[in-house]
Amino acid sequence: MTELLATKNLSRRFVSRDREVIALDDASLTLSAGETLGLAGASGSGKSTLARVLLRLIQADGGTIRFEGEDWLAHSGRELRWRRARMQMVFQDVLSAFNPRATVASVIDDPLRIHNVVAKSERPHEIAALLDRVGLPGSYSARSIRELSGGQRQRVAIARAIATRPSLIVLDEAVSALDVSVRGKILELLVTLQEERGIAYLFISHDLSVLRAVSHRITVMDAGKLVETASARKIIDAPSSPAAKALVAAVPRLIIPRQEGQAEHGF
């Protein structure tokens, strides 16, 4: 498989109340085109910091990122803005990521306009098509984000993320706030979109049962370090690091009836 993303020795430190916190400590990973890499770890392990460094929402103190064969950290200004179309993010809390007073249409229109994906005259049709693709009727375009349920908001967030036709979507606890039945439907949607469009996912979660359903490989994070990376089956059946063992122990009945290297997709 073609390597899409590679990080090497990423580091990031914060100072909190005169105390230095190491959020990323020599974090190195790879992700292939069309692959889902699950990023697991307890709260505070550094998962969200890694996501935000990848998206260039915060800057790394050291290390390198290569994305689509380019030095991702070398881009800035307009050049970075245009390239961001290729790497999108879906957050856990959509209401804080979007203007809560915005309509569904305006939320999806923003990336279409900013990245000039389609001509202005074609945007209403494109918005309707994107809503349809994530299982929402086109009539929802006039609704306020606040009027939607949690699952509906996540579908809009996914529509917004795929609007720019990215090669990578980073999902940060994107289904953790949803109930089980809605969560399963969102995961099914993500898998289908990956199969149709060849999108790669970096899927961040503290819940191995979620990562088991969608991931080809899982990497485990603890105290800013990536301590273990293997196939989803190996991480769950035979974890070697204390952090991975603790995560598996938290979900004691994980069963993976699938072939090695394949995501289970059992929701």
Protein backbone atom coordinates (compact mmCIF):
# COMPACT_ATOMS: atom_id res chain seq x y z
CA MET A 1 0.00 0.00 0.00
CA THR A 2 1.14 3.55 -0.73
CA GLU A 3 2.37 5.48 2.28
CA LEU A 4 0.17 8.53 2.78
CA LEU A 5 1.33 9.92 6.13
CA ALA A 6 4.51 9.47 8.14
CA THR A 7 5.52 11.23 11.34
CA LYS A 8 8.92 10.93 12.95
CA ASN A 9 9.93 11.95 16.47
CA LEU A 10 7.12 14.47 16.96
CA SER A 11 7.35 16.30 20.26
CA ARG A 12 5.21 18.88 21.99
CA ARG A 13 5.47 20.29 25.50
CA PHE A 14 3.17 22.60 27.43
CA VAL A 15 3.78 24.59 30.58
CA SER A 16 0.96 24.44 33.10
CA ARG A 17 1.24 26.20 36.46
CA ASP A 18 5.02 26.29 36.19
CA ARG A 19 5.08 22.57 35.42
CA GLU A 20 6.19 21.17 32.08
CA VAL A 21 3.81 18.62 30.56
CA ILE A 22 5.12 16.35 27.80
CA ALA A 23 2.14 15.86 25.49
CA LEU A 24 4.08 14.24 22.61
CA ASP A 25 7.33 12.37 23.11
CA ASP A 26 9.09 11.19 19.92
CA ALA A 27 5.81 10.10 18.32
CA SER A 28 6.39 8.22 15.06
CA LEU A 29 3.72 6.51 12.95
CA THR A 30 2.82 5.65 9.36
CA LEU A 31 -0.54 5.46 7.60
CA SER A 32 -1.20 4.05 4.14
CA ALA A 33 -3.70 5.32 1.59
CA GLY A 34 -7.13 3.82 2.23
CA GLU A 35 -6.13 2.43 5.63
CA THR A 36 -7.68 3.03 9.04
CA LEU A 37 -5.18 3.41 11.84
CA GLY A 38 -6.78 3.40 15.26
CA LEU A 39 -5.12 5.60 17.85
CA ALA A 40 -5.97 4.31 21.33
CA GLY A 41 -5.12 5.61 24.75
CA ALA A 42 -6.54 6.79 28.03
CA SER A 43 -7.64 10.39 28.55
CA GLY A 44 -4.62 12.67 28.74
CA SER A 45 -2.34 10.29 26.85
CA GLY A 46 -1.71 12.83 24.05
CA LYS A 47 -4.10 11.59 21.35
CA SER A 48 -5.83 14.93 20.72
CA THR A 49 -2.52 16.79 20.81
CA LEU A 50 -1.19 14.52 18.08
CA ALA A 51 -4.32 15.14 16.01
CA ARG A 52 -3.99 18.90 16.32
CA VAL A 53 -0.30 18.81 15.44
CA LEU A 54 -1.12 16.83 12.31
CA LEU A 55 -3.80 19.34 11.32
CA ARG A 56 -1.38 22.21 12.05
CA LEU A 57 -3.82 23.62 14.59
CA ILE A 58 -0.87 23.72 17.00
CA GLN A 59 2.81 23.52 16.17
CA ALA A 60 5.17 20.69 17.07
CA ASP A 61 8.28 21.52 19.05
CA GLY A 62 10.26 19.02 17.01
CA GLY A 63 10.03 16.16 14.54
CA THR A 64 8.79 15.78 10.97
CA ILE A 65 5.53 15.09 9.14
CA ARG A 66 5.36 13.88 5.57
CA PHE A 67 1.94 13.89 3.94
CA GLU A 68 1.29 12.86 0.34
CA GLY A 69 5.03 12.83 -0.24
CA GLU A 70 5.61 16.42 0.94
CA ASP A 71 7.10 18.05 4.02
CA TRP A 72 3.83 19.00 5.71
CA LEU A 73 5.51 21.34 8.20
CA ALA A 74 7.14 23.38 5.42
CA HIS A 75 3.81 24.82 4.22
CA SER A 76 2.37 28.05 5.56
CA GLY A 77 -0.12 30.77 4.70
CA ARG A 78 -2.16 30.35 1.54
CA GLU A 79 -0.14 27.30 0.51
CA LEU A 80 -1.09 25.49 3.73
CA ARG A 81 -4.72 26.59 3.48
CA TRP A 82 -5.09 25.04 0.03
CA ARG A 83 -3.38 21.81 1.04
CA ARG A 84 -5.62 21.45 4.09
CA ALA A 85 -8.36 20.36 1.69
CA ARG A 86 -6.56 17.01 1.58
CA MET A 87 -6.57 16.46 5.36
CA GLN A 88 -9.82 17.05 7.23
CA MET A 89 -11.02 16.47 10.79
CA VAL A 90 -14.21 15.38 12.54
CA PHE A 91 -14.41 16.43 16.18
CA GLN A 92 -16.27 14.87 19.10
CA ASP A 93 -18.20 18.04 19.94
CA VAL A 94 -19.64 19.36 16.68
CA LEU A 95 -21.42 22.30 18.33
CA SER A 96 -18.10 23.72 19.52
CA ALA A 97 -16.48 23.05 16.12
CA PHE A 98 -19.27 24.81 14.19
CA ASN A 99 -21.06 28.09 14.69
CA PRO A 100 -24.17 26.86 16.57
CA ARG A 101 -26.25 29.52 14.82
CA ALA A 102 -25.19 28.33 11.37
CA THR A 103 -27.43 26.42 9.02
CA VAL A 104 -26.50 23.01 7.67
CA ALA A 105 -26.07 24.52 4.20
CA SER A 106 -23.64 27.20 5.40
CA VAL A 107 -21.58 24.64 7.33
CA ILE A 108 -21.07 22.52 4.21
CA ASP A 109 -20.82 25.50 1.86
CA ASP A 110 -17.77 26.91 3.68
CA PRO A 111 -15.25 24.26 2.53
CA LEU A 112 -16.77 24.20 -0.95
CA ARG A 113 -16.27 27.96 -1.20
CA ILE A 114 -12.89 28.24 0.54
CA HIS A 115 -11.32 25.46 -1.52
CA ASN A 116 -13.21 26.27 -4.72
CA VAL A 117 -14.39 22.67 -5.04
CA VAL A 118 -17.26 23.51 -7.38
CA ALA A 119 -18.57 26.67 -9.03
CA LYS A 120 -20.86 28.86 -6.93
CA SER A 121 -23.89 27.96 -9.07
CA GLU A 122 -23.28 24.26 -8.41
CA ARG A 123 -22.91 24.48 -4.63
CA PRO A 124 -26.61 23.96 -3.72
CA HIS A 125 -26.64 20.76 -5.78
CA GLU A 126 -23.33 19.63 -4.25
CA ILE A 127 -24.62 20.30 -0.73
CA ALA A 128 -27.74 18.25 -1.44
CA ALA A 129 -25.62 15.44 -2.89
CA LEU A 130 -23.32 15.42 0.16
CA LEU A 131 -26.28 15.34 2.54
CA ASP A 132 -27.78 12.47 0.59
CA ARG A 133 -24.46 10.62 0.73
CA VAL A 134 -24.41 10.75 4.53
CA GLY A 135 -28.05 9.72 4.80
CA LEU A 136 -29.76 13.07 5.36
CA PRO A 137 -32.47 14.60 3.14
CA GLY A 138 -31.59 17.67 1.13
CA SER A 139 -34.32 19.59 2.97
CA TYR A 140 -32.07 19.59 6.06
CA SER A 141 -29.86 22.20 4.39
CA ALA A 142 -32.11 24.97 5.74
CA ARG A 143 -32.05 23.70 9.31
CA SER A 144 -29.96 25.17 12.10
CA ILE A 145 -27.20 22.96 13.46
CA ARG A 146 -28.82 23.31 16.89
CA GLU A 147 -32.00 21.65 15.62
CA LEU A 148 -30.26 18.37 14.81
CA SER A 149 -29.69 15.34 16.99
CA GLY A 150 -26.15 14.28 17.89
CA GLY A 151 -26.08 11.63 15.19
CA GLN A 152 -27.42 14.02 12.57
CA ARG A 153 -24.79 16.61 13.50
CA GLN A 154 -22.05 14.02 13.09
CA ARG A 155 -23.41 13.14 9.65
CA VAL A 156 -23.21 16.83 8.72
CA ALA A 157 -19.66 16.93 10.09
CA ILE A 158 -18.74 13.96 7.90
CA ALA A 159 -20.40 15.60 4.87
CA ARG A 160 -18.34 18.72 5.54
CA ALA A 161 -15.15 16.66 5.88
CA ILE A 162 -15.61 14.78 2.60
CA ALA A 163 -16.70 17.93 0.73
CA THR A 164 -13.08 18.80 -0.11
CA ARG A 165 -12.37 15.24 -1.36
CA PRO A 166 -9.61 14.57 1.16
CA SER A 167 -7.23 11.63 1.22
CA LEU A 168 -7.14 11.60 5.04
CA ILE A 169 -9.73 12.32 7.73
CA VAL A 170 -8.72 12.53 11.38
CA LEU A 171 -11.59 11.53 13.67
CA ASP A 172 -11.11 12.60 17.30
CA GLU A 173 -13.51 10.62 19.54
CA ALA A 174 -16.06 11.25 16.79
CA VAL A 175 -18.61 8.68 18.03
CA SER A 176 -17.94 8.61 21.77
CA ALA A 177 -20.87 10.92 22.63
CA LEU A 178 -23.41 8.91 20.61
CA ASP A 179 -25.61 6.09 21.82
CA VAL A 180 -24.79 2.57 20.67
CA SER A 181 -27.33 2.28 17.84
CA VAL A 182 -26.41 5.67 16.34
CA ARG A 183 -22.71 4.92 16.79
CA GLY A 184 -23.03 1.75 14.73
CA LYS A 185 -24.72 3.59 11.87
CA ILE A 186 -22.01 6.29 11.82
CA LEU A 187 -19.28 3.65 11.78
CA GLU A 188 -21.01 1.84 8.92
CA LEU A 189 -21.17 5.11 7.00
CA LEU A 190 -17.46 5.76 7.53
CA VAL A 191 -16.52 2.27 6.33
CA THR A 192 -18.69 2.62 3.23
CA LEU A 193 -17.19 6.01 2.38
CA GLN A 194 -13.71 4.56 2.77
CA GLU A 195 -14.53 1.71 0.40
CA GLU A 196 -16.05 4.10 -2.15
CA ARG A 197 -13.48 6.88 -2.03
CA GLY A 198 -10.28 5.33 -0.74
CA ILE A 199 -10.11 7.71 2.21
CA ALA A 200 -7.63 6.95 5.00
CA TYR A 201 -8.70 7.48 8.60
CA LEU A 202 -6.75 8.21 11.75
CA PHE A 203 -9.45 7.14 14.19
CA ILE A 204 -8.83 8.34 17.74
CA SER A 205 -10.66 6.68 20.60
CA HIS A 206 -10.18 5.43 24.13
CA ASP A 207 -12.62 2.60 23.32
CA LEU A 208 -11.06 -0.49 21.76
CA SER A 209 -14.47 -1.92 20.89
CA VAL A 210 -14.95 1.00 18.49
CA LEU A 211 -11.44 0.73 17.06
CA ARG A 212 -11.85 -3.03 16.60
CA ALA A 213 -14.83 -2.39 14.31
CA VAL A 214 -13.05 -0.06 11.89
CA SER A 215 -9.27 -0.35 12.23
CA HIS A 216 -6.77 -2.31 10.17
CA ARG A 217 -4.02 -1.48 12.67
CA ILE A 218 -4.03 0.09 16.13
CA THR A 219 -1.32 2.15 17.79
CA VAL A 220 -1.47 2.69 21.54
CA MET A 221 -0.46 5.94 23.20
CA ASP A 222 0.63 6.47 26.80
CA ALA A 223 2.06 9.63 28.35
CA GLY A 224 2.80 11.14 24.94
CA LYS A 225 4.55 8.05 23.58
CA LEU A 226 3.34 5.57 20.97
CA VAL A 227 4.12 2.42 22.92
CA GLU A 228 2.73 -0.36 20.71
CA THR A 229 1.57 -0.70 17.09
CA ALA A 230 0.17 -3.88 15.52
CA SER A 231 -2.82 -5.30 13.71
CA ALA A 232 -6.12 -4.74 15.51
CA ARG A 233 -6.33 -8.48 16.22
CA LYS A 234 -2.86 -8.69 17.76
CA ILE A 235 -3.37 -5.64 19.97
CA ILE A 236 -6.60 -7.10 21.34
CA ASP A 237 -5.60 -10.78 21.51
CA ALA A 238 -2.05 -10.33 22.77
CA PRO A 239 -1.31 -6.79 24.01
CA SER A 240 2.28 -6.37 25.14
CA SER A 241 2.40 -2.88 26.71
CA PRO A 242 0.81 -2.04 30.08
CA ALA A 243 -1.26 0.68 28.40
CA ALA A 244 -2.69 -1.73 25.81
CA LYS A 245 -3.36 -4.37 28.46
CA ALA A 246 -5.30 -1.82 30.52
CA LEU A 247 -7.42 -0.82 27.50
CA VAL A 248 -8.19 -4.45 26.65
CA ALA A 249 -9.08 -5.17 30.27
CA ALA A 250 -11.62 -2.36 30.14
CA VAL A 251 -13.49 -4.20 27.33
CA PRO A 252 -13.05 -7.86 28.36
CA ARG A 253 -15.22 -9.55 25.74
CA LEU A 254 -13.66 -8.36 22.51
CA ILE A 255 -13.98 -11.01 19.79
CA ILE A 256 -12.64 -10.55 16.27
CA PRO A 257 -13.97 -13.19 13.82
CA ARG A 258 -12.02 -11.91 10.82
CA GLN A 259 -8.83 -12.44 8.88
CA GLU A 260 -5.56 -10.83 9.92
CA GLY A 261 -5.10 -7.32 8.52
CA GLN A 262 -8.80 -6.71 7.88
CA ALA A 263 -11.05 -4.46 9.90
CA GLU A 264 -13.94 -6.43 11.34
CA HIS A 265 -16.74 -3.98 10.39
CA GLY A 266 -19.08 -5.70 12.84
CA PHE A 267 -21.19 -3.04 14.49
